[in-house]
Structures are given as C-alpha cells and as structure tokens.
Amino acid sequence: MELLKEIYSTLSTTPAIISHLAEGAGGVWADLTDYSGRRPVIAYSVISDVPSLFGDDMEIGRRVTVQISIVTTDGADNAIVKGVNAAMQRIGWTRESTNRVTDGKDRITALRFMILDTEKEGI
C-alpha cells in the first residue's frame, strides 16, 4: 500500500520525530510487537479502510484511517506528538483523534489520522 510507504518514509526521515526516539529512525515500526525496540518508539498501522466515494456503480475512493502509537515509559511525548501531527498534515492526512492509555510500564499516545484515497486520476 503506497500510503503506508509514504507514512513510513515521512516518520522515519523527519528530524523533529526521530531525534526523540531511542533508536532514531530504527524506532519507527509498521506494527507494535512484544519487542519493538527501546522506548520511545512509534508504531503505525491501518485500522480502517472503507469505501467512501462511488461513481457509475464503482468504488472510486476510500477513507483510510491509520493509528500512530507513540510508546514511552515516562509519558514524555509532547515533542514527538507535535512532530507527528506536523508531518502527517504535510502529506495530506487529517487528525481524527488522540487517546492516551497506560499498558503496564508503557504509556501510549494513540493518534488517529484519516485521508480520502481516490482510485482514479483527477479526483
């Protein structure tokens, strides 16, 4: 999926983001696992991909929602959140929501972004 490649490229090359990650660009993961590196890390994944635009009885557009999770041990993620918001806006995504949760020793900030992806040129 081209959208995910663009997200990875943006997150892993934006200095305002990677300078705050424990492993720099290596701290950007396509999904969160038991070992996704030293904290803080960023994990991203598609959580929704639904048809949203039709023409001539064909799907020509879809609304994609991506969740970007910022995982820290101390909750100090304001600079990363700010960098992610700016980077995602720069590539055309709109922030839908932000949620903060604690999971054991991890503090997670879940940012959800959405975009309308069209199948046909000129739309």
PDB file of N, CA and C in Angstrom:
ATOM      1  N   MET A   1       0.851  -1.176   0.000  1.00  0.00           N
ATOM      2  CA  MET A   1       0.000   0.000   0.000  1.00  0.00           C
ATOM      3  C   MET A   1       0.895   1.237   0.000  1.00  0.00           C
ATOM      4  N   GLU A   2       0.729   2.064  -1.008  1.00  0.00           N
ATOM      5  CA  GLU A   2       1.559   3.259  -1.167  1.00  0.00           C
ATOM      6  C   GLU A   2       1.419   4.230   0.002  1.00  0.00           C
ATOM      7  N   LEU A   3       0.219   4.313   0.569  1.00  0.00           N
ATOM      8  CA  LEU A   3       0.009   5.227   1.686  1.00  0.00           C
ATOM      9  C   LEU A   3       0.913   4.875   2.860  1.00  0.00           C
ATOM     10  N   LEU A   4       1.060   3.585   3.156  1.00  0.00           N
ATOM     11  CA  LEU A   4       1.906   3.169   4.282  1.00  0.00           C
ATOM     12  C   LEU A   4       3.378   3.430   4.006  1.00  0.00           C
ATOM     13  N   LYS A   5       3.801   3.260   2.764  1.00  0.00           N
ATOM     14  CA  LYS A   5       5.189   3.574   2.412  1.00  0.00           C
ATOM     15  C   LYS A   5       5.466   5.054   2.627  1.00  0.00           C
ATOM     16  N   GLU A   6       4.499   5.888   2.249  1.00  0.00           N
ATOM     17  CA  GLU A   6       4.655   7.329   2.420  1.00  0.00           C
ATOM     18  C   GLU A   6       4.699   7.698   3.905  1.00  0.00           C
ATOM     19  N   ILE A   7       3.866   7.052   4.722  1.00  0.00           N
ATOM     20  CA  ILE A   7       3.869   7.316   6.156  1.00  0.00           C
ATOM     21  C   ILE A   7       5.208   6.919   6.762  1.00  0.00           C
ATOM     22  N   TYR A   8       5.686   5.703   6.435  1.00  0.00           N
ATOM     23  CA  TYR A   8       6.969   5.261   6.977  1.00  0.00           C
ATOM     24  C   TYR A   8       8.089   6.212   6.567  1.00  0.00           C
ATOM     25  N   SER A   9       8.125   6.563   5.302  1.00  0.00           N
ATOM     26  CA  SER A   9       9.161   7.461   4.806  1.00  0.00           C
ATOM     27  C   SER A   9       9.127   8.803   5.540  1.00  0.00           C
ATOM     28  N   THR A  10       7.947   9.326   5.746  1.00  0.00           N
ATOM     29  CA  THR A  10       7.805  10.617   6.427  1.00  0.00           C
ATOM     30  C   THR A  10       8.223  10.523   7.890  1.00  0.00           C
ATOM     31  N   LEU A  11       7.703   9.523   8.603  1.00  0.00           N
ATOM     32  CA  LEU A  11       8.014   9.407  10.026  1.00  0.00           C
ATOM     33  C   LEU A  11       9.489   9.117  10.272  1.00  0.00           C
ATOM     34  N   SER A  12      10.096   8.302   9.420  1.00  0.00           N
ATOM     35  CA  SER A  12      11.473   7.873   9.664  1.00  0.00           C
ATOM     36  C   SER A  12      12.523   8.851   9.152  1.00  0.00           C
ATOM     37  N   THR A  13      12.096   9.923   8.494  1.00  0.00           N
ATOM     38  CA  THR A  13      13.065  10.904   7.993  1.00  0.00           C
ATOM     39  C   THR A  13      12.843  12.314   8.541  1.00  0.00           C
ATOM     40  N   THR A  14      11.853  12.481   9.399  1.00  0.00           N
ATOM     41  CA  THR A  14      11.569  13.805   9.952  1.00  0.00           C
ATOM     42  C   THR A  14      12.405  14.019  11.211  1.00  0.00           C
ATOM     43  N   PRO A  15      13.366  14.936  11.176  1.00  0.00           N
ATOM     44  CA  PRO A  15      14.248  15.148  12.323  1.00  0.00           C
ATOM     45  C   PRO A  15      13.509  15.468  13.631  1.00  0.00           C
ATOM     46  N   ALA A  16      12.400  16.206  13.538  1.00  0.00           N
ATOM     47  CA  ALA A  16      11.641  16.569  14.745  1.00  0.00           C
ATOM     48  C   ALA A  16      11.033  15.350  15.421  1.00  0.00           C
ATOM     49  N   ILE A  17      10.960  14.231  14.714  1.00  0.00           N
ATOM     50  CA  ILE A  17      10.430  12.992  15.288  1.00  0.00           C
ATOM     51  C   ILE A  17      11.568  12.076  15.722  1.00  0.00           C
ATOM     52  N   ILE A  18      12.442  11.732  14.777  1.00  0.00           N
ATOM     53  CA  ILE A  18      13.458  10.714  15.058  1.00  0.00           C
ATOM     54  C   ILE A  18      14.489  11.148  16.087  1.00  0.00           C
ATOM     55  N   SER A  19      14.666  12.445  16.258  1.00  0.00           N
ATOM     56  CA  SER A  19      15.627  12.910  17.268  1.00  0.00           C
ATOM     57  C   SER A  19      15.160  12.577  18.681  1.00  0.00           C
ATOM     58  N   HIS A  20      13.877  12.288  18.866  1.00  0.00           N
ATOM     59  CA  HIS A  20      13.326  11.969  20.189  1.00  0.00           C
ATOM     60  C   HIS A  20      13.145  10.471  20.419  1.00  0.00           C
ATOM     61  N   LEU A  21      13.400   9.646  19.394  1.00  0.00           N
ATOM     62  CA  LEU A  21      13.231   8.200  19.530  1.00  0.00           C
ATOM     63  C   LEU A  21      14.537   7.571  20.011  1.00  0.00           C
ATOM     64  N   ALA A  22      14.440   6.553  20.860  1.00  0.00           N
ATOM     65  CA  ALA A  22      15.628   5.916  21.434  1.00  0.00           C
ATOM     66  C   ALA A  22      16.551   5.354  20.358  1.00  0.00           C
ATOM     67  N   GLU A  23      15.993   4.830  19.272  1.00  0.00           N
ATOM     68  CA  GLU A  23      16.800   4.225  18.217  1.00  0.00           C
ATOM     69  C   GLU A  23      16.729   5.019  16.914  1.00  0.00           C
ATOM     70  N   GLY A  24      16.427   6.311  17.004  1.00  0.00           N
ATOM     71  CA  GLY A  24      16.341   7.145  15.813  1.00  0.00           C
ATOM     72  C   GLY A  24      15.331   6.583  14.823  1.00  0.00           C
ATOM     73  N   ALA A  25      15.703   6.559  13.550  1.00  0.00           N
ATOM     74  CA  ALA A  25      14.796   6.052  12.507  1.00  0.00           C
ATOM     75  C   ALA A  25      14.460   4.580  12.723  1.00  0.00           C
ATOM     76  N   GLY A  26      15.311   3.850  13.439  1.00  0.00           N
ATOM     77  CA  GLY A  26      15.035   2.449  13.757  1.00  0.00           C
ATOM     78  C   GLY A  26      13.915   2.276  14.762  1.00  0.00           C
ATOM     79  N   GLY A  27      13.442   3.371  15.328  1.00  0.00           N
ATOM     80  CA  GLY A  27      12.348   3.333  16.289  1.00  0.00           C
ATOM     81  C   GLY A  27      10.980   3.525  15.655  1.00  0.00           C
ATOM     82  N   VAL A  28      10.900   3.435  14.327  1.00  0.00           N
ATOM     83  CA  VAL A  28       9.623   3.543  13.610  1.00  0.00           C
ATOM     84  C   VAL A  28       9.280   2.146  13.107  1.00  0.00           C
ATOM     85  N   TRP A  29       8.162   1.609  13.583  1.00  0.00           N
ATOM     86  CA  TRP A  29       7.770   0.225  13.292  1.00  0.00           C
ATOM     87  C   TRP A  29       6.426   0.191  12.575  1.00  0.00           C
ATOM     88  N   ALA A  30       6.243  -0.821  11.718  1.00  0.00           N
ATOM     89  CA  ALA A  30       4.978  -0.983  10.994  1.00  0.00           C
ATOM     90  C   ALA A  30       3.880  -1.539  11.882  1.00  0.00           C
ATOM     91  N   ASP A  31       4.239  -2.120  13.006  1.00  0.00           N
ATOM     92  CA  ASP A  31       3.248  -2.637  13.943  1.00  0.00           C
ATOM     93  C   ASP A  31       3.925  -2.791  15.301  1.00  0.00           C
ATOM     94  N   LEU A  32       3.156  -2.820  16.340  1.00  0.00           N
ATOM     95  CA  LEU A  32       3.695  -2.938  17.686  1.00  0.00           C
ATOM     96  C   LEU A  32       3.729  -4.405  18.090  1.00  0.00           C
ATOM     97  N   THR A  33       4.886  -4.871  18.547  1.00  0.00           N
ATOM     98  CA  THR A  33       5.046  -6.246  18.990  1.00  0.00           C
ATOM     99  C   THR A  33       5.613  -6.250  20.406  1.00  0.00           C
ATOM    100  N   ASP A  34       5.828  -7.433  20.958  1.00  0.00           N
ATOM    101  CA  ASP A  34       6.410  -7.521  22.295  1.00  0.00           C
ATOM    102  C   ASP A  34       7.762  -6.818  22.366  1.00  0.00           C
ATOM    103  N   TYR A  35       8.561  -6.969  21.313  1.00  0.00           N
ATOM    104  CA  TYR A  35       9.809  -6.233  21.283  1.00  0.00           C
ATOM    105  C   TYR A  35       9.837  -5.349  20.052  1.00  0.00           C
ATOM    106  N   SER A  36       9.488  -4.134  20.256  1.00  0.00           N
ATOM    107  CA  SER A  36       9.542  -3.150  19.175  1.00  0.00           C
ATOM    108  C   SER A  36      10.616  -2.119  19.470  1.00  0.00           C
ATOM    109  N   GLY A  37      11.689  -2.559  20.085  1.00  0.00           N
ATOM    110  CA  GLY A  37      12.800  -1.647  20.348  1.00  0.00           C
ATOM    111  C   GLY A  37      12.705  -0.972  21.698  1.00  0.00           C
ATOM    112  N   ARG A  38      13.736  -0.192  21.985  1.00  0.00           N
ATOM    113  CA  ARG A  38      13.773   0.582  23.231  1.00  0.00           C
ATOM    114  C   ARG A  38      12.824   1.767  23.115  1.00  0.00           C
ATOM    115  N   ARG A  39      12.228   2.124  24.226  1.00  0.00           N
ATOM    116  CA  ARG A  39      11.270   3.225  24.246  1.00  0.00           C
ATOM    117  C   ARG A  39      12.002   4.556  24.311  1.00  0.00           C
ATOM    118  N   PRO A  40      11.502   5.616  23.720  1.00  0.00           N
ATOM    119  CA  PRO A  40      10.254   5.704  22.961  1.00  0.00           C
ATOM    120  C   PRO A  40      10.382   5.161  21.531  1.00  0.00           C
ATOM    121  N   VAL A  41       9.258   4.616  21.057  1.00  0.00           N
ATOM    122  CA  VAL A  41       9.129   4.119  19.686  1.00  0.00           C
ATOM    123  C   VAL A  41       7.804   4.607  19.108  1.00  0.00           C
ATOM    124  N   ILE A  42       7.699   4.485  17.802  1.00  0.00           N
ATOM    125  CA  ILE A  42       6.454   4.791  17.090  1.00  0.00           C
ATOM    126  C   ILE A  42       6.054   3.541  16.315  1.00  0.00           C
ATOM    127  N   ALA A  43       4.781   3.179  16.399  1.00  0.00           N
ATOM    128  CA  ALA A  43       4.243   2.074  15.600  1.00  0.00           C
ATOM    129  C   ALA A  43       3.023   2.599  14.852  1.00  0.00           C
ATOM    130  N   TYR A  44       2.881   2.211  13.587  1.00  0.00           N
ATOM    131  CA  TYR A  44       1.743   2.667  12.792  1.00  0.00           C
ATOM    132  C   TYR A  44       1.066   1.470  12.136  1.00  0.00           C
ATOM    133  N   SER A  45      -0.246   1.566  11.960  1.00  0.00           N
ATOM    134  CA  SER A  45      -0.985   0.509  11.273  1.00  0.00           C
ATOM    135  C   SER A  45      -2.325   1.044  10.783  1.00  0.00           C
ATOM    136  N   VAL A  46      -2.834   0.421   9.720  1.00  0.00           N
ATOM    137  CA  VAL A  46      -4.156   0.770   9.196  1.00  0.00           C
ATOM    138  C   VAL A  46      -5.190   0.142  10.116  1.00  0.00           C
ATOM    139  N   ILE A  47      -6.140   0.935  10.583  1.00  0.00           N
ATOM    140  CA  ILE A  47      -7.196   0.389  11.436  1.00  0.00           C
ATOM    141  C   ILE A  47      -8.553   0.400  10.745  1.00  0.00           C
ATOM    142  N   SER A  48      -8.655   1.118   9.617  1.00  0.00           N
ATOM    143  CA  SER A  48      -9.915   1.153   8.884  1.00  0.00           C
ATOM    144  C   SER A  48      -9.630   1.521   7.429  1.00  0.00           C
ATOM    145  N   ASP A  49     -10.305   0.837   6.521  1.00  0.00           N
ATOM    146  CA  ASP A  49     -10.179   1.105   5.091  1.00  0.00           C
ATOM    147  C   ASP A  49     -11.554   0.830   4.492  1.00  0.00           C
ATOM    148  N   VAL A  50     -12.359   1.884   4.322  1.00  0.00           N
ATOM    149  CA  VAL A  50     -13.741   1.703   3.892  1.00  0.00           C
ATOM    150  C   VAL A  50     -14.055   2.505   2.632  1.00  0.00           C
ATOM    151  N   PRO A  51     -14.906   1.945   1.754  1.00  0.00           N
ATOM    152  CA  PRO A  51     -15.319   2.687   0.563  1.00  0.00           C
ATOM    153  C   PRO A  51     -16.058   3.964   0.982  1.00  0.00           C
ATOM    154  N   SER A  52     -15.781   5.068   0.287  1.00  0.00           N
ATOM    155  CA  SER A  52     -16.459   6.306   0.663  1.00  0.00           C
ATOM    156  C   SER A  52     -16.907   7.145  -0.523  1.00  0.00           C
ATOM    157  N   LEU A  53     -16.511   6.757  -1.731  1.00  0.00           N
ATOM    158  CA  LEU A  53     -16.880   7.538  -2.901  1.00  0.00           C
ATOM    159  C   LEU A  53     -17.156   6.576  -4.052  1.00  0.00           C
ATOM    160  N   PHE A  54     -18.321   6.757  -4.673  1.00  0.00           N
ATOM    161  CA  PHE A  54     -18.730   5.870  -5.757  1.00  0.00           C
ATOM    162  C   PHE A  54     -19.104   6.680  -6.985  1.00  0.00           C
ATOM    163  N   GLY A  55     -18.916   6.094  -8.167  1.00  0.00           N
ATOM    164  CA  GLY A  55     -19.330   6.705  -9.423  1.00  0.00           C
ATOM    165  C   GLY A  55     -19.585   5.609 -10.434  1.00  0.00           C
ATOM    166  N   ASP A  56     -20.709   5.693 -11.137  1.00  0.00           N
ATOM    167  CA  ASP A  56     -21.069   4.662 -12.130  1.00  0.00           C
ATOM    168  C   ASP A  56     -21.030   3.270 -11.515  1.00  0.00           C
ATOM    169  N   ASP A  57     -21.574   3.159 -10.309  1.00  0.00           N
ATOM    170  CA  ASP A  57     -21.643   1.891  -9.580  1.00  0.00           C
ATOM    171  C   ASP A  57     -20.276   1.252  -9.325  1.00  0.00           C
ATOM    172  N   MET A  58     -19.249   2.084  -9.237  1.00  0.00           N
ATOM    173  CA  MET A  58     -17.901   1.587  -8.944  1.00  0.00           C
ATOM    174  C   MET A  58     -17.307   2.383  -7.792  1.00  0.00           C
ATOM    175  N   GLU A  59     -16.535   1.703  -6.981  1.00  0.00           N
ATOM    176  CA  GLU A  59     -15.816   2.388  -5.899  1.00  0.00           C
ATOM    177  C   GLU A  59     -14.657   3.165  -6.515  1.00  0.00           C
ATOM    178  N   ILE A  60     -14.624   4.466  -6.283  1.00  0.00           N
ATOM    179  CA  ILE A  60     -13.514   5.273  -6.804  1.00  0.00           C
ATOM    180  C   ILE A  60     -12.746   5.972  -5.687  1.00  0.00           C
ATOM    181  N   GLY A  61     -13.201   5.793  -4.468  1.00  0.00           N
ATOM    182  CA  GLY A  61     -12.496   6.401  -3.355  1.00  0.00           C
ATOM    183  C   GLY A  61     -12.731   5.635  -2.071  1.00  0.00           C
ATOM    184  N   ARG A  62     -11.781   5.738  -1.176  1.00  0.00           N
ATOM    185  CA  ARG A  62     -11.908   5.067   0.117  1.00  0.00           C
ATOM    186  C   ARG A  62     -11.350   5.972   1.196  1.00  0.00           C
ATOM    187  N   ARG A  63     -11.891   5.816   2.394  1.00  0.00           N
ATOM    188  CA  ARG A  63     -11.407   6.560   3.557  1.00  0.00           C
ATOM    189  C   ARG A  63     -10.523   5.617   4.365  1.00  0.00           C
ATOM    190  N   VAL A  64      -9.279   5.989   4.518  1.00  0.00           N
ATOM    191  CA  VAL A  64      -8.314   5.168   5.241  1.00  0.00           C
ATOM    192  C   VAL A  64      -7.989   5.853   6.557  1.00  0.00           C
ATOM    193  N   THR A  65      -8.044   5.078   7.641  1.00  0.00           N
ATOM    194  CA  THR A  65      -7.671   5.588   8.958  1.00  0.00           C
ATOM    195  C   THR A  65      -6.454   4.816   9.442  1.00  0.00           C
ATOM    196  N   VAL A  66      -5.449   5.553   9.869  1.00  0.00           N
ATOM    197  CA  VAL A  66      -4.211   4.978  10.370  1.00  0.00           C
ATOM    198  C   VAL A  66      -4.040   5.396  11.820  1.00  0.00           C
ATOM    199  N   GLN A  67      -3.589   4.453  12.641  1.00  0.00           N
ATOM    200  CA  GLN A  67      -3.258   4.791  14.022  1.00  0.00           C
ATOM    201  C   GLN A  67      -1.749   4.799  14.162  1.00  0.00           C
ATOM    202  N   ILE A  68      -1.239   5.881  14.716  1.00  0.00           N
ATOM    203  CA  ILE A  68       0.176   6.001  15.025  1.00  0.00           C
ATOM    204  C   ILE A  68       0.283   6.023  16.539  1.00  0.00           C
ATOM    205  N   SER A  69       0.932   4.999  17.086  1.00  0.00           N
ATOM    206  CA  SER A  69       1.071   4.872  18.536  1.00  0.00           C
ATOM    207  C   SER A  69       2.476   5.294  18.939  1.00  0.00           C
ATOM    208  N   ILE A  70       2.545   6.204  19.879  1.00  0.00           N
ATOM    209  CA  ILE A  70       3.826   6.638  20.426  1.00  0.00           C
ATOM    210  C   ILE A  70       3.937   5.981  21.795  1.00  0.00           C
ATOM    211  N   VAL A  71       4.927   5.106  21.944  1.00  0.00           N
ATOM    212  CA  VAL A  71       5.068   4.327  23.168  1.00  0.00           C
ATOM    213  C   VAL A  71       6.283   4.821  23.935  1.00  0.00           C
ATOM    214  N   THR A  72       6.050   5.241  25.184  1.00  0.00           N
ATOM    215  CA  THR A  72       7.128   5.709  26.050  1.00  0.00           C
ATOM    216  C   THR A  72       7.012   5.009  27.405  1.00  0.00           C
ATOM    217  N   THR A  73       8.037   5.147  28.209  1.00  0.00           N
ATOM    218  CA  THR A  73       7.965   4.613  29.568  1.00  0.00           C
ATOM    219  C   THR A  73       7.588   5.693  30.568  1.00  0.00           C
ATOM    220  N   ASP A  74       7.791   6.959  30.197  1.00  0.00           N
ATOM    221  CA  ASP A  74       7.538   8.044  31.138  1.00  0.00           C
ATOM    222  C   ASP A  74       6.451   9.025  30.704  1.00  0.00           C
ATOM    223  N   GLY A  75       5.884   8.829  29.530  1.00  0.00           N
ATOM    224  CA  GLY A  75       4.818   9.719  29.062  1.00  0.00           C
ATOM    225  C   GLY A  75       5.306  11.037  28.486  1.00  0.00           C
ATOM    226  N   ALA A  76       6.610  11.231  28.427  1.00  0.00           N
ATOM    227  CA  ALA A  76       7.165  12.482  27.895  1.00  0.00           C
ATOM    228  C   ALA A  76       7.202  12.397  26.369  1.00  0.00           C
ATOM    229  N   ASP A  77       6.074  12.709  25.743  1.00  0.00           N
ATOM    230  CA  ASP A  77       5.975  12.541  24.293  1.00  0.00           C
ATOM    231  C   ASP A  77       5.459  13.772  23.557  1.00  0.00           C
ATOM    232  N   ASN A  78       5.353  14.903  24.237  1.00  0.00           N
ATOM    233  CA  ASN A  78       4.770  16.090  23.608  1.00  0.00           C
ATOM    234  C   ASN A  78       5.508  16.514  22.343  1.00  0.00           C
ATOM    235  N   ALA A  79       6.834  16.466  22.357  1.00  0.00           N
ATOM    236  CA  ALA A  79       7.603  16.859  21.171  1.00  0.00           C
ATOM    237  C   ALA A  79       7.370  15.883  20.023  1.00  0.00           C
ATOM    238  N   ILE A  80       7.254  14.596  20.331  1.00  0.00           N
ATOM    239  CA  ILE A  80       7.006  13.598  19.291  1.00  0.00           C
ATOM    240  C   ILE A  80       5.606  13.789  18.708  1.00  0.00           C
ATOM    241  N   VAL A  81       4.618  14.000  19.574  1.00  0.00           N
ATOM    242  CA  VAL A  81       3.237  14.224  19.113  1.00  0.00           C
ATOM    243  C   VAL A  81       3.185  15.426  18.178  1.00  0.00           C
ATOM    244  N   LYS A  82       3.835  16.496  18.570  1.00  0.00           N
ATOM    245  CA  LYS A  82       3.854  17.715  17.750  1.00  0.00           C
ATOM    246  C   LYS A  82       4.506  17.433  16.392  1.00  0.00           C
ATOM    247  N   GLY A  83       5.620  16.703  16.390  1.00  0.00           N
ATOM    248  CA  GLY A  83       6.304  16.363  15.143  1.00  0.00           C
ATOM    249  C   GLY A  83       5.473  15.469  14.247  1.00  0.00           C
ATOM    250  N   VAL A  84       4.806  14.475  14.840  1.00  0.00           N
ATOM    251  CA  VAL A  84       3.957  13.566  14.060  1.00  0.00           C
ATOM    252  C   VAL A  84       2.780  14.329  13.455  1.00  0.00           C
ATOM    253  N   ASN A  85       2.125  15.168  14.244  1.00  0.00           N
ATOM    254  CA  ASN A  85       0.999  15.958  13.729  1.00  0.00           C
ATOM    255  C   ASN A  85       1.419  16.806  12.530  1.00  0.00           C
ATOM    256  N   ALA A  86       2.540  17.505  12.656  1.00  0.00           N
ATOM    257  CA  ALA A  86       3.014  18.369  11.580  1.00  0.00           C
ATOM    258  C   ALA A  86       3.392  17.547  10.346  1.00  0.00           C
ATOM    259  N   ALA A  87       4.068  16.423  10.542  1.00  0.00           N
ATOM    260  CA  ALA A  87       4.499  15.585   9.422  1.00  0.00           C
ATOM    261  C   ALA A  87       3.304  14.994   8.682  1.00  0.00           C
ATOM    262  N   MET A  88       2.310  14.520   9.411  1.00  0.00           N
ATOM    263  CA  MET A  88       1.137  13.916   8.771  1.00  0.00           C
ATOM    264  C   MET A  88       0.309  14.965   8.030  1.00  0.00           C
ATOM    265  N   GLN A  89       0.185  16.150   8.587  1.00  0.00           N
ATOM    266  CA  GLN A  89      -0.529  17.222   7.884  1.00  0.00           C
ATOM    267  C   GLN A  89       0.192  17.587   6.594  1.00  0.00           C
ATOM    268  N   ARG A  90       1.516  17.572   6.640  1.00  0.00           N
ATOM    269  CA  ARG A  90       2.317  17.919   5.470  1.00  0.00           C
ATOM    270  C   ARG A  90       2.063  16.959   4.302  1.00  0.00           C
ATOM    271  N   ILE A  91       1.731  15.692   4.585  1.00  0.00           N
ATOM    272  CA  ILE A  91       1.475  14.735   3.493  1.00  0.00           C
ATOM    273  C   ILE A  91      -0.025  14.503   3.252  1.00  0.00           C
ATOM    274  N   GLY A  92      -0.868  15.385   3.829  1.00  0.00           N
ATOM    275  CA  GLY A  92      -2.285  15.392   3.475  1.00  0.00           C
ATOM    276  C   GLY A  92      -3.239  14.651   4.387  1.00  0.00           C
ATOM    277  N   TRP A  93      -2.783  14.182   5.539  1.00  0.00           N
ATOM    278  CA  TRP A  93      -3.650  13.461   6.471  1.00  0.00           C
ATOM    279  C   TRP A  93      -4.270  14.435   7.467  1.00  0.00           C
ATOM    280  N   THR A  94      -5.474  14.108   7.948  1.00  0.00           N
ATOM    281  CA  THR A  94      -6.188  14.906   8.929  1.00  0.00           C
ATOM    282  C   THR A  94      -6.291  14.121  10.230  1.00  0.00           C
ATOM    283  N   ARG A  95      -5.936  14.768  11.346  1.00  0.00           N
ATOM    284  CA  ARG A  95      -6.024  14.080  12.638  1.00  0.00           C
ATOM    285  C   ARG A  95      -7.474  13.901  13.025  1.00  0.00           C
ATOM    286  N   GLU A  96      -7.814  12.685  13.409  1.00  0.00           N
ATOM    287  CA  GLU A  96      -9.178  12.349  13.812  1.00  0.00           C
ATOM    288  C   GLU A  96      -9.331  12.350  15.329  1.00  0.00           C
ATOM    289  N   SER A  97      -8.341  11.791  16.024  1.00  0.00           N
ATOM    290  CA  SER A  97      -8.437  11.740  17.491  1.00  0.00           C
ATOM    291  C   SER A  97      -7.068  11.469  18.103  1.00  0.00           C
ATOM    292  N   THR A  98      -6.991  11.741  19.399  1.00  0.00           N
ATOM    293  CA  THR A  98      -5.808  11.427  20.202  1.00  0.00           C
ATOM    294  C   THR A  98      -6.293  10.805  21.496  1.00  0.00           C
ATOM    295  N   ASN A  99      -5.731   9.642  21.848  1.00  0.00           N
ATOM    296  CA  ASN A  99      -6.072   8.967  23.098  1.00  0.00           C
ATOM    297  C   ASN A  99      -4.793   8.595  23.820  1.00  0.00           C
ATOM    298  N   ARG A 100      -4.807   8.695  25.136  1.00  0.00           N
ATOM    299  CA  ARG A 100      -3.650   8.311  25.938  1.00  0.00           C
ATOM    300  C   ARG A 100      -4.065   7.204  26.890  1.00  0.00           C
ATOM    301  N   VAL A 101      -3.264   6.119  26.902  1.00  0.00           N
ATOM    302  CA  VAL A 101      -3.545   4.983  27.779  1.00  0.00           C
ATOM    303  C   VAL A 101      -2.242   4.499  28.404  1.00  0.00           C
ATOM    304  N   THR A 102      -2.377   3.731  29.479  1.00  0.00           N
ATOM    305  CA  THR A 102      -1.231   3.101  30.120  1.00  0.00           C
ATOM    306  C   THR A 102      -1.414   1.602  30.024  1.00  0.00           C
ATOM    307  N   ASP A 103      -0.353   0.912  29.615  1.00  0.00           N
ATOM    308  CA  ASP A 103      -0.377  -0.539  29.486  1.00  0.00           C
ATOM    309  C   ASP A 103       0.855  -1.084  30.199  1.00  0.00           C
ATOM    310  N   GLY A 104       0.671  -1.519  31.418  1.00  0.00           N
ATOM    311  CA  GLY A 104       1.815  -1.975  32.214  1.00  0.00           C
ATOM    312  C   GLY A 104       2.770  -0.833  32.451  1.00  0.00           C
ATOM    313  N   LYS A 105       4.001  -0.998  32.014  1.00  0.00           N
ATOM    314  CA  LYS A 105       5.010   0.047  32.177  1.00  0.00           C
ATOM    315  C   LYS A 105       5.005   1.056  31.033  1.00  0.00           C
ATOM    316  N   ASP A 106       4.261   0.769  29.985  1.00  0.00           N
ATOM    317  CA  ASP A 106       4.237   1.643  28.810  1.00  0.00           C
ATOM    318  C   ASP A 106       3.126   2.668  28.886  1.00  0.00           C
ATOM    319  N   ARG A 107       3.439   3.880  28.433  1.00  0.00           N
ATOM    320  CA  ARG A 107       2.441   4.930  28.266  1.00  0.00           C
ATOM    321  C   ARG A 107       2.305   5.137  26.768  1.00  0.00           C
ATOM    322  N   ILE A 108       1.083   5.008  26.276  1.00  0.00           N
ATOM    323  CA  ILE A 108       0.843   5.031  24.838  1.00  0.00           C
ATOM    324  C   ILE A 108      -0.050   6.215  24.470  1.00  0.00           C
ATOM    325  N   THR A 109       0.404   6.983  23.506  1.00  0.00           N
ATOM    326  CA  THR A 109      -0.423   8.029  22.911  1.00  0.00           C
ATOM    327  C   THR A 109      -0.800   7.542  21.523  1.00  0.00           C
ATOM    328  N   ALA A 110      -2.098   7.331  21.294  1.00  0.00           N
ATOM    329  CA  ALA A 110      -2.597   6.819  20.020  1.00  0.00           C
ATOM    330  C   ALA A 110      -3.208   7.969  19.223  1.00  0.00           C
ATOM    331  N   LEU A 111      -2.569   8.291  18.117  1.00  0.00           N
ATOM    332  CA  LEU A 111      -3.042   9.345  17.224  1.00  0.00           C
ATOM    333  C   LEU A 111      -3.685   8.686  16.016  1.00  0.00           C
ATOM    334  N   ARG A 112      -4.891   9.087  15.680  1.00  0.00           N
ATOM    335  CA  ARG A 112      -5.562   8.542  14.503  1.00  0.00           C
ATOM    336  C   ARG A 112      -5.694   9.632  13.451  1.00  0.00           C
ATOM    337  N   PHE A 113      -5.294   9.257  12.238  1.00  0.00           N
ATOM    338  CA  PHE A 113      -5.349  10.167  11.097  1.00  0.00           C
ATOM    339  C   PHE A 113      -6.145   9.516   9.988  1.00  0.00           C
ATOM    340  N   MET A 114      -6.839  10.336   9.187  1.00  0.00           N
ATOM    341  CA  MET A 114      -7.586   9.779   8.065  1.00  0.00           C
ATOM    342  C   MET A 114      -7.327  10.586   6.809  1.00  0.00           C
ATOM    343  N   ILE A 115      -7.559   9.892   5.670  1.00  0.00           N
ATOM    344  CA  ILE A 115      -7.377  10.531   4.359  1.00  0.00           C
ATOM    345  C   ILE A 115      -8.368   9.892   3.389  1.00  0.00           C
ATOM    346  N   LEU A 116      -8.776  10.633   2.390  1.00  0.00           N
ATOM    347  CA  LEU A 116      -9.576  10.101   1.291  1.00  0.00           C
ATOM    348  C   LEU A 116      -8.607   9.742   0.178  1.00  0.00           C
ATOM    349  N   ASP A 117      -8.541   8.466  -0.154  1.00  0.00           N
ATOM    350  CA  ASP A 117      -7.644   7.986  -1.203  1.00  0.00           C
ATOM    351  C   ASP A 117      -8.505   7.641  -2.409  1.00  0.00           C
ATOM    352  N   THR A 118      -8.232   8.256  -3.544  1.00  0.00           N
ATOM    353  CA  THR A 118      -9.053   8.012  -4.735  1.00  0.00           C
ATOM    354  C   THR A 118      -8.358   7.071  -5.696  1.00  0.00           C
ATOM    355  N   GLU A 119      -9.156   6.291  -6.394  1.00  0.00           N
ATOM    356  CA  GLU A 119      -8.663   5.280  -7.326  1.00  0.00           C
ATOM    357  C   GLU A 119      -8.419   5.840  -8.711  1.00  0.00           C
ATOM    358  N   LYS A 120      -9.081   6.942  -9.054  1.00  0.00           N
ATOM    359  CA  LYS A 120      -8.975   7.472 -10.405  1.00  0.00           C
ATOM    360  C   LYS A 120      -8.242   8.795 -10.419  1.00  0.00           C
ATOM    361  N   GLU A 121      -7.529   9.059 -11.495  1.00  0.00           N
ATOM    362  CA  GLU A 121      -6.813  10.316 -11.677  1.00  0.00           C
ATOM    363  C   GLU A 121      -7.810  11.480 -11.715  1.00  0.00           C
ATOM    364  N   GLY A 122      -7.406  12.609 -11.176  1.00  0.00           N
ATOM    365  CA  GLY A 122      -8.207  13.813 -11.262  1.00  0.00           C
ATOM    366  C   GLY A 122      -9.295  13.955 -10.225  1.00  0.00           C
ATOM    367  N   ILE A 123      -9.387  13.004  -9.311  1.00  0.00           N
ATOM    368  CA  ILE A 123     -10.425  13.095  -8.283  1.00  0.00           C
ATOM    369  C   ILE A 123      -9.775  13.431  -6.970  1.00  0.00           C
TER     370      ILE A 123
END
